[in-house]
N, C-alpha and C. Protein backbone atom coordinates (compact mmCIF):
# COMPACT_ATOMS: atom_id res chain seq x y z
N MET A 1 -66.09 77.33 27.88
CA MET A 1 -65.39 76.13 27.49
C MET A 1 -66.31 75.30 26.60
N PRO A 2 -66.16 75.40 25.27
CA PRO A 2 -67.00 74.64 24.35
C PRO A 2 -66.70 73.14 24.40
N TYR A 3 -67.75 72.37 24.21
CA TYR A 3 -67.66 70.93 24.09
C TYR A 3 -68.41 70.55 22.82
N VAL A 4 -67.71 69.92 21.88
CA VAL A 4 -68.30 69.52 20.62
C VAL A 4 -68.21 68.01 20.52
N ASN A 5 -69.34 67.36 20.25
CA ASN A 5 -69.37 65.91 20.11
C ASN A 5 -69.72 65.56 18.67
N ILE A 6 -68.80 64.89 17.99
CA ILE A 6 -69.01 64.47 16.61
C ILE A 6 -69.25 62.97 16.63
N LYS A 7 -70.35 62.55 16.04
CA LYS A 7 -70.66 61.13 15.94
C LYS A 7 -70.58 60.74 14.47
N ILE A 8 -69.76 59.70 14.22
CA ILE A 8 -69.60 59.20 12.86
C ILE A 8 -69.72 57.68 12.88
N VAL A 9 -70.04 57.12 11.73
CA VAL A 9 -70.10 55.68 11.61
C VAL A 9 -68.67 55.15 11.49
N LYS A 10 -68.41 54.05 12.17
CA LYS A 10 -67.08 53.44 12.15
C LYS A 10 -66.84 52.82 10.78
N GLU A 11 -66.19 53.58 9.90
CA GLU A 11 -65.96 53.13 8.53
C GLU A 11 -64.60 53.56 8.00
N GLY A 12 -63.58 53.20 8.69
CA GLY A 12 -62.24 53.46 8.18
C GLY A 12 -61.78 54.90 8.22
N VAL A 13 -62.29 55.67 9.17
CA VAL A 13 -61.81 57.04 9.33
C VAL A 13 -60.41 56.97 9.94
N THR A 14 -59.48 57.66 9.32
CA THR A 14 -58.09 57.59 9.78
C THR A 14 -57.83 58.55 10.95
N SER A 15 -56.74 58.29 11.63
CA SER A 15 -56.32 59.18 12.72
C SER A 15 -56.07 60.58 12.20
N LYS A 16 -55.50 60.67 11.00
CA LYS A 16 -55.23 61.97 10.38
C LYS A 16 -56.53 62.73 10.13
N GLN A 17 -57.56 62.05 9.65
CA GLN A 17 -58.84 62.70 9.40
C GLN A 17 -59.46 63.18 10.72
N LYS A 18 -59.35 62.38 11.76
CA LYS A 18 -59.88 62.79 13.06
C LYS A 18 -59.12 64.01 13.58
N GLU A 19 -57.82 64.01 13.39
CA GLU A 19 -57.00 65.16 13.79
C GLU A 19 -57.45 66.41 13.05
N GLN A 20 -57.74 66.27 11.76
CA GLN A 20 -58.20 67.41 10.96
C GLN A 20 -59.55 67.92 11.47
N LEU A 21 -60.42 67.03 11.90
CA LEU A 21 -61.70 67.45 12.48
C LEU A 21 -61.48 68.25 13.76
N VAL A 22 -60.62 67.75 14.63
CA VAL A 22 -60.35 68.44 15.90
C VAL A 22 -59.77 69.84 15.63
N VAL A 23 -58.80 69.91 14.76
CA VAL A 23 -58.18 71.20 14.43
C VAL A 23 -59.20 72.13 13.78
N GLY A 24 -59.94 71.61 12.81
CA GLY A 24 -60.90 72.44 12.08
C GLY A 24 -62.00 73.00 12.96
N ILE A 25 -62.56 72.16 13.81
CA ILE A 25 -63.62 72.60 14.72
C ILE A 25 -63.08 73.63 15.71
N SER A 26 -61.89 73.37 16.24
CA SER A 26 -61.29 74.30 17.20
C SER A 26 -61.03 75.67 16.55
N LYS A 27 -60.53 75.65 15.31
CA LYS A 27 -60.28 76.91 14.59
C LYS A 27 -61.59 77.65 14.31
N LEU A 28 -62.62 76.91 13.93
CA LEU A 28 -63.91 77.53 13.63
C LEU A 28 -64.50 78.21 14.87
N LEU A 29 -64.45 77.52 16.01
CA LEU A 29 -64.98 78.12 17.24
C LEU A 29 -64.16 79.34 17.67
N ASN A 30 -62.86 79.30 17.39
CA ASN A 30 -62.02 80.44 17.71
C ASN A 30 -62.36 81.62 16.80
N LYS A 31 -62.52 81.34 15.51
CA LYS A 31 -62.81 82.40 14.54
C LYS A 31 -64.19 83.01 14.74
N VAL A 32 -65.20 82.18 14.91
CA VAL A 32 -66.58 82.66 14.96
C VAL A 32 -66.97 83.17 16.34
N LEU A 33 -66.56 82.43 17.38
CA LEU A 33 -67.00 82.77 18.74
C LEU A 33 -65.88 83.27 19.66
N ASN A 34 -64.66 83.37 19.09
CA ASN A 34 -63.51 83.81 19.85
C ASN A 34 -63.24 82.91 21.06
N LYS A 35 -63.44 81.61 20.88
CA LYS A 35 -63.21 80.64 21.96
C LYS A 35 -61.76 80.18 21.94
N ASP A 36 -61.19 80.03 23.11
CA ASP A 36 -59.81 79.60 23.27
C ASP A 36 -59.67 78.13 22.88
N PRO A 37 -58.86 77.81 21.86
CA PRO A 37 -58.68 76.42 21.46
C PRO A 37 -58.16 75.52 22.58
N GLN A 38 -57.42 76.11 23.51
CA GLN A 38 -56.89 75.33 24.63
C GLN A 38 -57.97 74.93 25.64
N LYS A 39 -59.14 75.53 25.48
CA LYS A 39 -60.26 75.21 26.38
C LYS A 39 -61.45 74.64 25.59
N THR A 40 -61.19 74.25 24.35
CA THR A 40 -62.23 73.68 23.49
C THR A 40 -62.04 72.17 23.45
N TYR A 41 -63.10 71.46 23.79
CA TYR A 41 -63.06 70.00 23.80
C TYR A 41 -63.83 69.46 22.60
N VAL A 42 -63.17 68.60 21.84
CA VAL A 42 -63.79 67.96 20.69
C VAL A 42 -63.70 66.45 20.92
N VAL A 43 -64.86 65.80 20.95
CA VAL A 43 -64.92 64.36 21.16
C VAL A 43 -65.50 63.71 19.91
N ILE A 44 -64.83 62.70 19.41
CA ILE A 44 -65.31 61.98 18.24
C ILE A 44 -65.73 60.58 18.69
N ASP A 45 -67.01 60.28 18.52
CA ASP A 45 -67.54 58.96 18.82
C ASP A 45 -67.73 58.20 17.52
N GLU A 46 -67.13 57.04 17.44
CA GLU A 46 -67.32 56.18 16.27
C GLU A 46 -68.35 55.12 16.63
N VAL A 47 -69.41 55.05 15.86
CA VAL A 47 -70.53 54.16 16.14
C VAL A 47 -70.53 53.02 15.13
N ASP A 48 -70.67 51.78 15.63
CA ASP A 48 -70.78 50.63 14.72
C ASP A 48 -71.97 50.81 13.80
N THR A 49 -71.85 50.34 12.58
CA THR A 49 -72.93 50.51 11.61
C THR A 49 -74.20 49.78 12.03
N ASP A 50 -74.09 48.77 12.88
CA ASP A 50 -75.28 48.10 13.42
C ASP A 50 -76.04 48.99 14.40
N ASN A 51 -75.36 49.99 14.93
CA ASN A 51 -75.94 50.86 15.96
C ASN A 51 -76.36 52.22 15.42
N TRP A 52 -76.42 52.36 14.11
CA TRP A 52 -76.79 53.62 13.49
C TRP A 52 -77.86 53.31 12.45
N GLY A 53 -78.99 53.94 12.57
CA GLY A 53 -80.06 53.63 11.65
C GLY A 53 -80.68 54.87 11.03
N VAL A 54 -81.29 54.64 9.88
CA VAL A 54 -82.01 55.69 9.17
C VAL A 54 -83.10 55.01 8.33
N GLY A 55 -84.29 55.56 8.35
CA GLY A 55 -85.36 55.03 7.52
C GLY A 55 -85.68 53.57 7.78
N TYR A 56 -85.79 53.17 9.03
CA TYR A 56 -86.15 51.81 9.43
C TYR A 56 -85.05 50.77 9.24
N GLU A 57 -83.86 51.18 8.86
CA GLU A 57 -82.77 50.24 8.63
C GLU A 57 -81.50 50.69 9.32
N THR A 58 -80.65 49.72 9.61
CA THR A 58 -79.32 50.08 10.10
C THR A 58 -78.43 50.41 8.91
N VAL A 59 -77.36 51.08 9.16
CA VAL A 59 -76.40 51.39 8.09
C VAL A 59 -75.83 50.08 7.52
N THR A 60 -75.65 49.09 8.36
CA THR A 60 -75.17 47.78 7.90
C THR A 60 -76.10 47.22 6.83
N GLN A 61 -77.41 47.29 7.07
CA GLN A 61 -78.38 46.79 6.09
C GLN A 61 -78.35 47.60 4.79
N ILE A 62 -78.24 48.90 4.93
CA ILE A 62 -78.19 49.77 3.76
C ILE A 62 -76.96 49.47 2.92
N GLN A 63 -75.83 49.31 3.59
CA GLN A 63 -74.58 49.03 2.86
C GLN A 63 -74.58 47.66 2.21
N ALA A 64 -75.30 46.72 2.80
CA ALA A 64 -75.34 45.36 2.24
C ALA A 64 -76.02 45.34 0.87
N ARG A 65 -76.89 46.30 0.61
CA ARG A 65 -77.58 46.38 -0.68
C ARG A 65 -76.71 46.94 -1.79
N LYS A 66 -75.65 47.59 -1.44
CA LYS A 66 -74.80 48.24 -2.45
C LYS A 66 -73.91 47.26 -3.16
């Protein structure tokens, strides 16, 4: 029973895009590892940009410069 956790920054990702991720990951695990999609769990965590950092800065700070 595969469990896949996708973490993304909360930036306007639509329900349709999330659905496409769930379907795509499930299909990939079925194709490559022969895993049953009905037993494949895909969890999408959306993280606030204040809670995601890279190179000493939060994503909020990086985006503020743009």
